[in-house]
Amino acid sequence: MLAHGGGGELTGRLIAEHFLPRLRNQWLEPLGDSAVLPWTSSALAFTTDSHVVQPLEFPGGDIGRLAVCGTVNDLAVAGAVPLALSLAVIMEEGLPLKVLDRIIDSIAAAAAEANVSIATGDTKVVERGRGDGMIINTAGVGSLRESLSLDKRRIIPGDAMVLTGLIAEHGLAVMSAREGLAFQTALRSDVAPLNGLIEQMAASGADIRFMRDPTRGGLAGLLADLCVDIRLSIEIEETAIPISRTARHTAELLGLDPVTVANEGKCVAVVAAEDAGKLLEACRAHPLGRQAAIIGRITDAAPPIVEMITDAGGRRVVQRPYGEELPRIC
């Protein structure tokens, strides 16, 4: 009800009966206006993200797991060890409490999986028809790993590009569950916290120069952005890109290019050529990286473009999507 967001008795009950029992920890317990966290690192990583996915629950995940993993992953690919998150939940009048409970349980499970705390938060309720069921904003802090030296300016021709697993599964799984576009598929979202995998990658000793997760815009958007930033060309091989047969066929059914579809549990890394095998071995030793592959390399071809060597042996330019081909998937 709208009264659950009014700051009175019902708000107190909502937090005490639904949020706190599932998310309780030493930072959140005081329920103050700010969480007070211990901090000894000289370098702080800080990120924020908002989540508006529809439907709220989809094969392999839900908006709560997506919110936690998305923020954890933004910290992890920046070279940080995630420590704590904030959680702001905007609920629409009429949202069933059993749905809310399932999503908070999912938030708690994802936070435990990523070994982070929900340290502070906020709740609001908006009128029916104005909140899309639920909207979540999360922010996160972490301490930078001294073992990593991530800097796009260190990327040079010859560097290898490693992708940690199968692409396109998140966006296609969300589409499979969407009202009005539902179809039968075995696809499940890949949404997962990457900090454990990235810890293993960092411990490999490989000279990793860059990391990012290919979310909105997919692999194509990430590579196009990187190409512009470093002013070097990128060459990838279509046959090297890990993708399941189901995802490929589903993308064809929807008329989508799999490299433009969002992912929520994958990382792209640029690594010194001589360390590519070492990094690949480290990825494949982790459950989230078992299907990792070297998909391409950096070149000095001019002008700077992203090119894909196709399965047929031809070449095509890879561009970022013009707009949002799959709306509300993260």
C-alpha atoms as a PDB file:
ATOM      1  CA  MET A   1       0.000   0.000   0.000  1.00  0.00           C
ATOM      2  CA  LEU A   2       1.049   3.602  -0.431  1.00  0.00           C
ATOM      3  CA  ALA A   3       1.084   3.883   3.354  1.00  0.00           C
ATOM      4  CA  HIS A   4       4.012   1.445   3.454  1.00  0.00           C
ATOM      5  CA  GLY A   5       6.116   4.286   2.035  1.00  0.00           C
ATOM      6  CA  GLY A   6       4.828   6.992   4.349  1.00  0.00           C
ATOM      7  CA  GLY A   7       7.511   6.725   7.021  1.00  0.00           C
ATOM      8  CA  GLY A   8       5.080   5.686   9.747  1.00  0.00           C
ATOM      9  CA  GLU A   9       4.033   2.478  11.471  1.00  0.00           C
ATOM     10  CA  LEU A  10       3.545   0.513   8.243  1.00  0.00           C
ATOM     11  CA  THR A  11       6.976   1.557   6.945  1.00  0.00           C
ATOM     12  CA  GLY A  12       8.528   0.354  10.183  1.00  0.00           C
ATOM     13  CA  ARG A  13       6.722  -2.970   9.887  1.00  0.00           C
ATOM     14  CA  LEU A  14       7.761  -3.380   6.245  1.00  0.00           C
ATOM     15  CA  ILE A  15      11.420  -2.949   7.143  1.00  0.00           C
ATOM     16  CA  ALA A  16      11.240  -4.964  10.378  1.00  0.00           C
ATOM     17  CA  GLU A  17       9.216  -7.864   8.970  1.00  0.00           C
ATOM     18  CA  HIS A  18      10.439  -8.141   5.369  1.00  0.00           C
ATOM     19  CA  PHE A  19      13.827  -6.466   4.869  1.00  0.00           C
ATOM     20  CA  LEU A  20      15.776  -6.674   8.119  1.00  0.00           C
ATOM     21  CA  PRO A  21      15.294 -10.384   8.887  1.00  0.00           C
ATOM     22  CA  ARG A  22      16.691 -11.287   5.470  1.00  0.00           C
ATOM     23  CA  LEU A  23      19.475  -8.706   5.190  1.00  0.00           C
ATOM     24  CA  ARG A  24      20.532  -8.234   8.835  1.00  0.00           C
ATOM     25  CA  ASN A  25      24.255  -7.529   9.443  1.00  0.00           C
ATOM     26  CA  GLN A  26      26.339  -5.364  11.764  1.00  0.00           C
ATOM     27  CA  TRP A  27      26.397  -2.390   9.362  1.00  0.00           C
ATOM     28  CA  LEU A  28      22.657  -2.392   8.636  1.00  0.00           C
ATOM     29  CA  GLU A  29      21.420  -3.298  12.119  1.00  0.00           C
ATOM     30  CA  PRO A  30      21.526   0.252  13.584  1.00  0.00           C
ATOM     31  CA  LEU A  31      19.189   1.489  10.782  1.00  0.00           C
ATOM     32  CA  GLY A  32      20.783   4.922  10.941  1.00  0.00           C
ATOM     33  CA  ASP A  33      20.856   7.526   8.196  1.00  0.00           C
ATOM     34  CA  SER A  34      24.326   6.311   7.180  1.00  0.00           C
ATOM     35  CA  ALA A  35      26.297   3.108   7.579  1.00  0.00           C
ATOM     36  CA  VAL A  36      29.700   3.500   9.231  1.00  0.00           C
ATOM     37  CA  LEU A  37      32.226   1.190   7.570  1.00  0.00           C
ATOM     38  CA  PRO A  38      35.826   0.399   8.496  1.00  0.00           C
ATOM     39  CA  TRP A  39      38.253   1.650   5.842  1.00  0.00           C
ATOM     40  CA  THR A  40      41.992   1.147   5.656  1.00  0.00           C
ATOM     41  CA  SER A  41      42.587   1.204   1.896  1.00  0.00           C
ATOM     42  CA  SER A  42      44.138   4.305   0.359  1.00  0.00           C
ATOM     43  CA  ALA A  43      42.128   3.811  -2.861  1.00  0.00           C
ATOM     44  CA  LEU A  44      38.333   3.586  -2.900  1.00  0.00           C
ATOM     45  CA  ALA A  45      36.234   2.267  -5.791  1.00  0.00           C
ATOM     46  CA  PHE A  46      32.656   3.566  -5.818  1.00  0.00           C
ATOM     47  CA  THR A  47      29.846   2.787  -8.271  1.00  0.00           C
ATOM     48  CA  THR A  48      26.070   3.006  -8.587  1.00  0.00           C
ATOM     49  CA  ASP A  49      23.454   1.419 -10.825  1.00  0.00           C
ATOM     50  CA  SER A  50      19.669   1.378 -11.279  1.00  0.00           C
ATOM     51  CA  HIS A  51      17.642  -1.652 -12.308  1.00  0.00           C
ATOM     52  CA  VAL A  52      14.314  -1.598 -14.155  1.00  0.00           C
ATOM     53  CA  VAL A  53      14.105  -5.114 -15.615  1.00  0.00           C
ATOM     54  CA  GLN A  54      10.791  -6.555 -16.778  1.00  0.00           C
ATOM     55  CA  PRO A  55       9.575  -9.084 -15.776  1.00  0.00           C
ATOM     56  CA  LEU A  56      10.831  -8.807 -12.195  1.00  0.00           C
ATOM     57  CA  GLU A  57      11.538 -12.555 -12.137  1.00  0.00           C
ATOM     58  CA  PHE A  58      12.983 -14.419 -15.115  1.00  0.00           C
ATOM     59  CA  PRO A  59      14.719 -17.752 -15.806  1.00  0.00           C
ATOM     60  CA  GLY A  60      17.942 -17.813 -13.789  1.00  0.00           C
ATOM     61  CA  GLY A  61      17.372 -14.682 -11.739  1.00  0.00           C
ATOM     62  CA  ASP A  62      15.311 -11.671 -10.757  1.00  0.00           C
ATOM     63  CA  ILE A  63      15.693  -7.929 -10.273  1.00  0.00           C
ATOM     64  CA  GLY A  64      17.207  -8.422  -6.799  1.00  0.00           C
ATOM     65  CA  ARG A  65      19.984 -10.782  -7.878  1.00  0.00           C
ATOM     66  CA  LEU A  66      20.596  -8.571 -10.890  1.00  0.00           C
ATOM     67  CA  ALA A  67      20.987  -5.484  -8.692  1.00  0.00           C
ATOM     68  CA  VAL A  68      23.542  -7.099  -6.377  1.00  0.00           C
ATOM     69  CA  CYS A  69      25.560  -8.823  -9.104  1.00  0.00           C
ATOM     70  CA  GLY A  70      25.542  -5.814 -11.406  1.00  0.00           C
ATOM     71  CA  THR A  71      27.063  -3.545  -8.778  1.00  0.00           C
ATOM     72  CA  VAL A  72      29.499  -6.163  -7.480  1.00  0.00           C
ATOM     73  CA  ASN A  73      30.670  -6.784 -11.047  1.00  0.00           C
ATOM     74  CA  ASP A  74      31.178  -3.079 -11.778  1.00  0.00           C
ATOM     75  CA  LEU A  75      33.507  -2.934  -8.784  1.00  0.00           C
ATOM     76  CA  ALA A  76      35.244  -6.213  -9.634  1.00  0.00           C
ATOM     77  CA  VAL A  77      36.087  -5.312 -13.252  1.00  0.00           C
ATOM     78  CA  ALA A  78      37.519  -2.019 -11.971  1.00  0.00           C
ATOM     79  CA  GLY A  79      40.020  -4.117 -10.018  1.00  0.00           C
ATOM     80  CA  ALA A  80      38.328  -3.677  -6.637  1.00  0.00           C
ATOM     81  CA  VAL A  81      37.384  -6.074  -3.853  1.00  0.00           C
ATOM     82  CA  PRO A  82      33.678  -5.312  -3.172  1.00  0.00           C
ATOM     83  CA  LEU A  83      32.927  -4.571   0.479  1.00  0.00           C
ATOM     84  CA  ALA A  84      29.417  -3.165   0.935  1.00  0.00           C
ATOM     85  CA  LEU A  85      26.350  -2.088  -1.013  1.00  0.00           C
ATOM     86  CA  SER A  86      23.473   0.278  -0.488  1.00  0.00           C
ATOM     87  CA  LEU A  87      19.983  -0.847  -1.497  1.00  0.00           C
ATOM     88  CA  ALA A  88      17.176   1.548  -2.451  1.00  0.00           C
ATOM     89  CA  VAL A  89      13.891  -0.158  -3.369  1.00  0.00           C
ATOM     90  CA  ILE A  90      11.002   1.718  -5.012  1.00  0.00           C
ATOM     91  CA  MET A  91       7.880  -0.439  -4.885  1.00  0.00           C
ATOM     92  CA  GLU A  92       4.611   0.062  -6.703  1.00  0.00           C
ATOM     93  CA  GLU A  93       1.329   0.037  -4.829  1.00  0.00           C
ATOM     94  CA  GLY A  94      -0.170  -3.444  -5.223  1.00  0.00           C
ATOM     95  CA  LEU A  95       3.124  -5.348  -5.417  1.00  0.00           C
ATOM     96  CA  PRO A  96       2.411  -8.693  -3.688  1.00  0.00           C
ATOM     97  CA  LEU A  97       4.391  -9.066  -0.464  1.00  0.00           C
ATOM     98  CA  LYS A  98       5.221 -12.670  -1.392  1.00  0.00           C
ATOM     99  CA  VAL A  99       6.963 -11.370  -4.527  1.00  0.00           C
ATOM    100  CA  LEU A 100       8.810  -8.785  -2.434  1.00  0.00           C
ATOM    101  CA  ASP A 101       9.917 -11.499  -0.002  1.00  0.00           C
ATOM    102  CA  ARG A 102      11.218 -13.710  -2.800  1.00  0.00           C
ATOM    103  CA  ILE A 103      13.245 -10.848  -4.242  1.00  0.00           C
ATOM    104  CA  ILE A 104      14.691  -9.842  -0.859  1.00  0.00           C
ATOM    105  CA  ASP A 105      15.642 -13.488  -0.276  1.00  0.00           C
ATOM    106  CA  SER A 106      17.368 -13.424  -3.655  1.00  0.00           C
ATOM    107  CA  ILE A 107      19.215 -10.225  -2.718  1.00  0.00           C
ATOM    108  CA  ALA A 108      20.413 -11.827   0.501  1.00  0.00           C
ATOM    109  CA  ALA A 109      21.547 -14.989  -1.319  1.00  0.00           C
ATOM    110  CA  ALA A 110      23.429 -13.019  -3.997  1.00  0.00           C
ATOM    111  CA  ALA A 111      25.109 -10.820  -1.377  1.00  0.00           C
ATOM    112  CA  ALA A 112      26.236 -13.921   0.532  1.00  0.00           C
ATOM    113  CA  GLU A 113      27.525 -15.484  -2.689  1.00  0.00           C
ATOM    114  CA  ALA A 114      29.525 -12.326  -3.428  1.00  0.00           C
ATOM    115  CA  ASN A 115      30.633 -11.949   0.208  1.00  0.00           C
ATOM    116  CA  VAL A 116      29.323  -8.378   0.496  1.00  0.00           C
ATOM    117  CA  SER A 117      27.029  -6.716   3.021  1.00  0.00           C
ATOM    118  CA  ILE A 118      23.934  -4.645   2.355  1.00  0.00           C
ATOM    119  CA  ALA A 119      25.073  -1.857   4.647  1.00  0.00           C
ATOM    120  CA  THR A 120      22.361   0.763   4.213  1.00  0.00           C
ATOM    121  CA  GLY A 121      19.146   1.235   2.309  1.00  0.00           C
ATOM    122  CA  ASP A 122      15.897   3.032   1.630  1.00  0.00           C
ATOM    123  CA  THR A 123      12.307   2.132   0.687  1.00  0.00           C
ATOM    124  CA  LYS A 124       9.659   4.102  -1.169  1.00  0.00           C
ATOM    125  CA  VAL A 125       6.184   3.245  -2.456  1.00  0.00           C
ATOM    126  CA  VAL A 126       4.641   4.968  -5.486  1.00  0.00           C
ATOM    127  CA  GLU A 127       1.105   4.943  -6.870  1.00  0.00           C
ATOM    128  CA  ARG A 128      -0.179   1.975  -8.837  1.00  0.00           C
ATOM    129  CA  GLY A 129       0.896   2.219 -12.470  1.00  0.00           C
ATOM    130  CA  ARG A 130       3.873   4.493 -11.773  1.00  0.00           C
ATOM    131  CA  GLY A 131       6.527   2.077 -10.495  1.00  0.00           C
ATOM    132  CA  ASP A 132       6.731  -0.839 -12.944  1.00  0.00           C
ATOM    133  CA  GLY A 133       6.302  -3.212  -9.992  1.00  0.00           C
ATOM    134  CA  MET A 134       9.704  -2.480  -8.497  1.00  0.00           C
ATOM    135  CA  ILE A 135      12.775  -0.380  -9.268  1.00  0.00           C
ATOM    136  CA  ILE A 136      16.055  -0.929  -7.422  1.00  0.00           C
ATOM    137  CA  ASN A 137      19.086   1.308  -7.106  1.00  0.00           C
ATOM    138  CA  THR A 138      22.309  -0.039  -5.632  1.00  0.00           C
ATOM    139  CA  ALA A 139      25.623   1.638  -4.937  1.00  0.00           C
ATOM    140  CA  GLY A 140      28.788  -0.151  -3.912  1.00  0.00           C
ATOM    141  CA  VAL A 141      32.215   0.508  -2.436  1.00  0.00           C
ATOM    142  CA  GLY A 142      35.364  -1.566  -2.573  1.00  0.00           C
ATOM    143  CA  SER A 143      39.129  -1.391  -2.135  1.00  0.00           C
ATOM    144  CA  LEU A 144      41.413  -1.558  -5.161  1.00  0.00           C
ATOM    145  CA  ARG A 145      43.627  -4.609  -5.560  1.00  0.00           C
ATOM    146  CA  GLU A 146      47.306  -3.714  -5.524  1.00  0.00           C
ATOM    147  CA  SER A 147      48.035  -6.755  -7.707  1.00  0.00           C
ATOM    148  CA  LEU A 148      46.223  -5.261 -10.708  1.00  0.00           C
ATOM    149  CA  SER A 149      47.294  -2.336 -12.877  1.00  0.00           C
ATOM    150  CA  LEU A 150      44.267  -1.698 -15.069  1.00  0.00           C
ATOM    151  CA  ASP A 151      44.746   1.183 -17.483  1.00  0.00           C
ATOM    152  CA  LYS A 152      43.482   1.366 -21.071  1.00  0.00           C
ATOM    153  CA  ARG A 153      46.536   3.456 -21.918  1.00  0.00           C
ATOM    154  CA  ARG A 154      48.696   0.342 -21.412  1.00  0.00           C
ATOM    155  CA  ILE A 155      46.948  -1.566 -24.221  1.00  0.00           C
ATOM    156  CA  ILE A 156      49.233  -2.170 -27.207  1.00  0.00           C
ATOM    157  CA  PRO A 157      48.965  -3.982 -30.565  1.00  0.00           C
ATOM    158  CA  GLY A 158      49.341  -7.726 -30.108  1.00  0.00           C
ATOM    159  CA  ASP A 159      47.523  -7.857 -26.772  1.00  0.00           C
ATOM    160  CA  ALA A 160      45.015 -10.711 -26.536  1.00  0.00           C
ATOM    161  CA  MET A 161      41.325 -10.507 -25.681  1.00  0.00           C
ATOM    162  CA  VAL A 162      39.802 -13.099 -23.334  1.00  0.00           C
ATOM    163  CA  LEU A 163      36.049 -13.635 -22.818  1.00  0.00           C
ATOM    164  CA  THR A 164      35.143 -15.631 -19.716  1.00  0.00           C
ATOM    165  CA  GLY A 165      32.148 -17.578 -21.037  1.00  0.00           C
ATOM    166  CA  LEU A 166      29.010 -17.949 -23.157  1.00  0.00           C
ATOM    167  CA  ILE A 167      27.421 -14.744 -24.450  1.00  0.00           C
ATOM    168  CA  ALA A 168      23.839 -13.470 -24.896  1.00  0.00           C
ATOM    169  CA  GLU A 169      22.109 -15.658 -22.309  1.00  0.00           C
ATOM    170  CA  HIS A 170      20.834 -12.927 -19.976  1.00  0.00           C
ATOM    171  CA  GLY A 171      19.093 -10.774 -22.564  1.00  0.00           C
ATOM    172  CA  LEU A 172      17.568 -13.749 -24.347  1.00  0.00           C
ATOM    173  CA  ALA A 173      16.376 -15.364 -21.089  1.00  0.00           C
ATOM    174  CA  VAL A 174      14.622 -12.144 -20.055  1.00  0.00           C
ATOM    175  CA  MET A 175      12.970 -11.921 -23.477  1.00  0.00           C
ATOM    176  CA  SER A 176      11.787 -15.529 -23.199  1.00  0.00           C
ATOM    177  CA  ALA A 177       9.861 -14.638 -20.037  1.00  0.00           C
ATOM    178  CA  ARG A 178       8.448 -11.315 -21.183  1.00  0.00           C
ATOM    179  CA  GLU A 179       4.679 -10.982 -21.403  1.00  0.00           C
ATOM    180  CA  GLY A 180       3.527 -10.853 -25.007  1.00  0.00           C
ATOM    181  CA  LEU A 181       6.825 -12.216 -26.321  1.00  0.00           C
ATOM    182  CA  ALA A 182       6.968 -15.483 -24.401  1.00  0.00           C
ATOM    183  CA  PHE A 183       8.382 -18.533 -26.178  1.00  0.00           C
ATOM    184  CA  GLN A 184       9.812 -21.846 -25.065  1.00  0.00           C
ATOM    185  CA  THR A 185      13.568 -21.962 -24.466  1.00  0.00           C
ATOM    186  CA  ALA A 186      15.961 -23.642 -22.053  1.00  0.00           C
ATOM    187  CA  LEU A 187      18.010 -20.444 -21.685  1.00  0.00           C
ATOM    188  CA  ARG A 188      18.695 -19.078 -18.217  1.00  0.00           C
ATOM    189  CA  SER A 189      20.238 -15.730 -17.338  1.00  0.00           C
ATOM    190  CA  ASP A 190      23.967 -15.840 -16.614  1.00  0.00           C
ATOM    191  CA  VAL A 191      23.597 -13.251 -13.811  1.00  0.00           C
ATOM    192  CA  ALA A 192      26.321 -13.974 -11.241  1.00  0.00           C
ATOM    193  CA  PRO A 193      28.880 -12.119  -9.090  1.00  0.00           C
ATOM    194  CA  LEU A 194      32.248 -12.078 -10.848  1.00  0.00           C
ATOM    195  CA  ASN A 195      34.475 -11.052  -7.938  1.00  0.00           C
ATOM    196  CA  GLY A 196      35.539 -14.627  -7.157  1.00  0.00           C
ATOM    197  CA  LEU A 197      36.490 -15.309 -10.769  1.00  0.00           C
ATOM    198  CA  ILE A 198      38.335 -12.003 -11.053  1.00  0.00           C
ATOM    199  CA  GLU A 199      40.210 -12.708  -7.816  1.00  0.00           C
ATOM    200  CA  GLN A 200      41.461 -15.911  -9.448  1.00  0.00           C
ATOM    201  CA  MET A 201      42.353 -14.038 -12.643  1.00  0.00           C
ATOM    202  CA  ALA A 202      44.298 -11.444 -10.643  1.00  0.00           C
ATOM    203  CA  ALA A 203      46.140 -14.184  -8.738  1.00  0.00           C
ATOM    204  CA  SER A 204      47.284 -15.795 -12.002  1.00  0.00           C
ATOM    205  CA  GLY A 205      50.089 -13.260 -12.379  1.00  0.00           C
ATOM    206  CA  ALA A 206      48.971 -12.403 -15.929  1.00  0.00           C
ATOM    207  CA  ASP A 207      49.494  -8.780 -16.969  1.00  0.00           C
ATOM    208  CA  ILE A 208      45.835  -7.770 -17.310  1.00  0.00           C
ATOM    209  CA  ARG A 209      45.514  -4.296 -18.824  1.00  0.00           C
ATOM    210  CA  PHE A 210      41.728  -3.897 -18.996  1.00  0.00           C
ATOM    211  CA  MET A 211      38.520  -5.563 -17.791  1.00  0.00           C
ATOM    212  CA  ARG A 212      34.848  -4.839 -18.298  1.00  0.00           C
ATOM    213  CA  ASP A 213      31.572  -6.746 -18.215  1.00  0.00           C
ATOM    214  CA  PRO A 214      29.593  -6.702 -21.499  1.00  0.00           C
ATOM    215  CA  THR A 215      26.162  -5.683 -20.206  1.00  0.00           C
ATOM    216  CA  ARG A 216      23.940  -3.289 -22.206  1.00  0.00           C
ATOM    217  CA  GLY A 217      25.137  -3.242 -25.801  1.00  0.00           C
ATOM    218  CA  GLY A 218      26.707  -6.660 -25.307  1.00  0.00           C
ATOM    219  CA  LEU A 219      30.131  -7.636 -26.561  1.00  0.00           C
ATOM    220  CA  ALA A 220      29.737  -5.382 -29.607  1.00  0.00           C
ATOM    221  CA  GLY A 221      29.070  -2.261 -27.539  1.00  0.00           C
ATOM    222  CA  LEU A 222      31.997  -2.943 -25.215  1.00  0.00           C
ATOM    223  CA  LEU A 223      34.465  -3.483 -28.076  1.00  0.00           C
ATOM    224  CA  ALA A 224      33.251  -0.445 -30.015  1.00  0.00           C
ATOM    225  CA  ASP A 225      33.660   1.773 -26.948  1.00  0.00           C
ATOM    226  CA  LEU A 226      37.119   0.376 -26.248  1.00  0.00           C
ATOM    227  CA  CYS A 227      38.198   0.905 -29.868  1.00  0.00           C
ATOM    228  CA  VAL A 228      37.241   4.588 -29.651  1.00  0.00           C
ATOM    229  CA  ASP A 229      39.026   5.028 -26.324  1.00  0.00           C
ATOM    230  CA  ILE A 230      42.343   3.398 -27.251  1.00  0.00           C
ATOM    231  CA  ARG A 231      42.419   4.436 -30.938  1.00  0.00           C
ATOM    232  CA  LEU A 232      43.559   0.978 -31.953  1.00  0.00           C
ATOM    233  CA  SER A 233      41.761  -1.685 -33.975  1.00  0.00           C
ATOM    234  CA  ILE A 234      40.303  -4.877 -32.531  1.00  0.00           C
ATOM    235  CA  GLU A 235      40.070  -8.128 -34.464  1.00  0.00           C
ATOM    236  CA  ILE A 236      37.863 -10.943 -33.191  1.00  0.00           C
ATOM    237  CA  GLU A 237      37.051 -14.387 -34.593  1.00  0.00           C
ATOM    238  CA  GLU A 238      33.419 -15.421 -34.819  1.00  0.00           C
ATOM    239  CA  THR A 239      34.250 -19.109 -34.353  1.00  0.00           C
ATOM    240  CA  ALA A 240      36.165 -18.347 -31.141  1.00  0.00           C
ATOM    241  CA  ILE A 241      33.279 -16.536 -29.411  1.00  0.00           C
ATOM    242  CA  PRO A 242      31.641 -18.962 -26.953  1.00  0.00           C
ATOM    243  CA  ILE A 243      27.880 -19.177 -27.500  1.00  0.00           C
ATOM    244  CA  SER A 244      25.461 -22.042 -26.970  1.00  0.00           C
ATOM    245  CA  ARG A 245      23.498 -23.484 -29.854  1.00  0.00           C
ATOM    246  CA  THR A 246      20.283 -22.564 -28.026  1.00  0.00           C
ATOM    247  CA  ALA A 247      21.321 -18.920 -27.662  1.00  0.00           C
ATOM    248  CA  ARG A 248      22.385 -18.720 -31.293  1.00  0.00           C
ATOM    249  CA  HIS A 249      19.090 -20.150 -32.538  1.00  0.00           C
ATOM    250  CA  THR A 250      17.032 -17.965 -30.167  1.00  0.00           C
ATOM    251  CA  ALA A 251      18.841 -14.832 -31.358  1.00  0.00           C
ATOM    252  CA  GLU A 252      18.173 -15.838 -34.977  1.00  0.00           C
ATOM    253  CA  LEU A 253      14.494 -16.358 -34.141  1.00  0.00           C
ATOM    254  CA  LEU A 254      14.295 -12.817 -32.732  1.00  0.00           C
ATOM    255  CA  GLY A 255      16.379 -11.291 -35.512  1.00  0.00           C
ATOM    256  CA  LEU A 256      19.157 -10.286 -33.106  1.00  0.00           C
ATOM    257  CA  ASP A 257      22.934 -10.339 -33.386  1.00  0.00           C
ATOM    258  CA  PRO A 258      24.180 -12.278 -30.325  1.00  0.00           C
ATOM    259  CA  VAL A 259      27.181  -9.953 -29.891  1.00  0.00           C
ATOM    260  CA  THR A 260      24.785  -7.055 -29.193  1.00  0.00           C
ATOM    261  CA  VAL A 261      22.780  -8.906 -26.498  1.00  0.00           C
ATOM    262  CA  ALA A 262      23.404  -8.074 -22.815  1.00  0.00           C
ATOM    263  CA  ASN A 263      25.264 -10.372 -20.414  1.00  0.00           C
ATOM    264  CA  GLU A 264      25.334 -10.181 -16.598  1.00  0.00           C
ATOM    265  CA  GLY A 265      27.921 -12.783 -15.613  1.00  0.00           C
ATOM    266  CA  LYS A 266      30.760 -12.388 -18.099  1.00  0.00           C
ATOM    267  CA  CYS A 267      34.007 -10.414 -18.255  1.00  0.00           C
ATOM    268  CA  VAL A 268      36.143  -9.286 -21.181  1.00  0.00           C
ATOM    269  CA  ALA A 269      39.844  -8.848 -20.393  1.00  0.00           C
ATOM    270  CA  VAL A 270      42.709  -7.479 -22.471  1.00  0.00           C
ATOM    271  CA  VAL A 271      45.953  -9.180 -21.481  1.00  0.00           C
ATOM    272  CA  ALA A 272      49.562  -9.126 -22.646  1.00  0.00           C
ATOM    273  CA  ALA A 273      49.924 -11.673 -25.480  1.00  0.00           C
ATOM    274  CA  GLU A 274      52.511 -13.761 -23.644  1.00  0.00           C
ATOM    275  CA  ASP A 275      50.159 -14.113 -20.645  1.00  0.00           C
ATOM    276  CA  ALA A 276      46.976 -15.030 -22.531  1.00  0.00           C
ATOM    277  CA  GLY A 277      47.376 -18.776 -21.923  1.00  0.00           C
ATOM    278  CA  LYS A 278      48.061 -18.214 -18.235  1.00  0.00           C
ATOM    279  CA  LEU A 279      44.936 -16.093 -17.857  1.00  0.00           C
ATOM    280  CA  LEU A 280      42.811 -18.562 -19.809  1.00  0.00           C
ATOM    281  CA  GLU A 281      43.956 -21.390 -17.542  1.00  0.00           C
ATOM    282  CA  ALA A 282      43.032 -19.361 -14.442  1.00  0.00           C
ATOM    283  CA  CYS A 283      39.567 -18.603 -15.849  1.00  0.00           C
ATOM    284  CA  ARG A 284      38.838 -22.216 -16.724  1.00  0.00           C
ATOM    285  CA  ALA A 285      39.760 -23.333 -13.203  1.00  0.00           C
ATOM    286  CA  HIS A 286      36.792 -21.330 -11.837  1.00  0.00           C
ATOM    287  CA  PRO A 287      33.146 -22.477 -12.220  1.00  0.00           C
ATOM    288  CA  LEU A 288      32.170 -19.197 -13.897  1.00  0.00           C
ATOM    289  CA  GLY A 289      35.037 -19.334 -16.380  1.00  0.00           C
ATOM    290  CA  ARG A 290      35.043 -22.925 -17.587  1.00  0.00           C
ATOM    291  CA  GLN A 291      34.085 -21.897 -21.124  1.00  0.00           C
ATOM    292  CA  ALA A 292      36.481 -18.957 -21.338  1.00  0.00           C
ATOM    293  CA  ALA A 293      38.161 -18.363 -24.694  1.00  0.00           C
ATOM    294  CA  ILE A 294      40.684 -16.126 -26.413  1.00  0.00           C
ATOM    295  CA  ILE A 295      38.457 -14.369 -28.953  1.00  0.00           C
ATOM    296  CA  GLY A 296      40.767 -11.855 -30.616  1.00  0.00           C
ATOM    297  CA  ARG A 297      43.586  -9.357 -30.411  1.00  0.00           C
ATOM    298  CA  ILE A 298      44.486  -5.695 -30.602  1.00  0.00           C
ATOM    299  CA  THR A 299      45.983  -4.493 -33.897  1.00  0.00           C
ATOM    300  CA  ASP A 300      47.395  -1.250 -35.278  1.00  0.00           C
ATOM    301  CA  ALA A 301      45.281  -1.349 -38.453  1.00  0.00           C
ATOM    302  CA  ALA A 302      44.112   2.099 -39.522  1.00  0.00           C
ATOM    303  CA  PRO A 303      41.591   3.594 -39.215  1.00  0.00           C
ATOM    304  CA  PRO A 304      40.693   2.056 -35.833  1.00  0.00           C
ATOM    305  CA  ILE A 305      37.727  -0.321 -36.201  1.00  0.00           C
ATOM    306  CA  VAL A 306      36.378  -3.516 -34.676  1.00  0.00           C
ATOM    307  CA  GLU A 307      36.393  -6.311 -37.238  1.00  0.00           C
ATOM    308  CA  MET A 308      35.026  -9.832 -36.980  1.00  0.00           C
ATOM    309  CA  ILE A 309      36.528 -12.635 -39.040  1.00  0.00           C
ATOM    310  CA  THR A 310      33.362 -14.554 -39.874  1.00  0.00           C
ATOM    311  CA  ASP A 311      32.756 -18.274 -39.878  1.00  0.00           C
ATOM    312  CA  ALA A 312      32.867 -18.139 -43.691  1.00  0.00           C
ATOM    313  CA  GLY A 313      36.275 -16.436 -43.680  1.00  0.00           C
ATOM    314  CA  GLY A 314      35.042 -12.967 -44.569  1.00  0.00           C
ATOM    315  CA  ARG A 315      35.250  -9.807 -42.502  1.00  0.00           C
ATOM    316  CA  ARG A 316      32.567  -7.519 -41.138  1.00  0.00           C
ATOM    317  CA  VAL A 317      32.690  -4.371 -39.060  1.00  0.00           C
ATOM    318  CA  VAL A 318      31.253  -4.750 -35.549  1.00  0.00           C
ATOM    319  CA  GLN A 319      29.394  -1.647 -34.388  1.00  0.00           C
ATOM    320  CA  ARG A 320      27.627  -0.744 -31.171  1.00  0.00           C
ATOM    321  CA  PRO A 321      23.831  -1.066 -31.326  1.00  0.00           C
ATOM    322  CA  TYR A 322      22.158   2.175 -32.421  1.00  0.00           C
ATOM    323  CA  GLY A 323      19.556   2.008 -29.663  1.00  0.00           C
ATOM    324  CA  GLU A 324      18.206  -0.471 -27.142  1.00  0.00           C
ATOM    325  CA  GLU A 325      17.225  -3.587 -29.081  1.00  0.00           C
ATOM    326  CA  LEU A 326      16.027  -5.370 -25.933  1.00  0.00           C
ATOM    327  CA  PRO A 327      14.439  -2.793 -23.596  1.00  0.00           C
ATOM    328  CA  ARG A 328      14.328  -3.260 -19.814  1.00  0.00           C
ATOM    329  CA  ILE A 329      16.690  -6.189 -19.458  1.00  0.00           C
ATOM    330  CA  CYS A 330      18.806  -4.779 -16.627  1.00  0.00           C
END
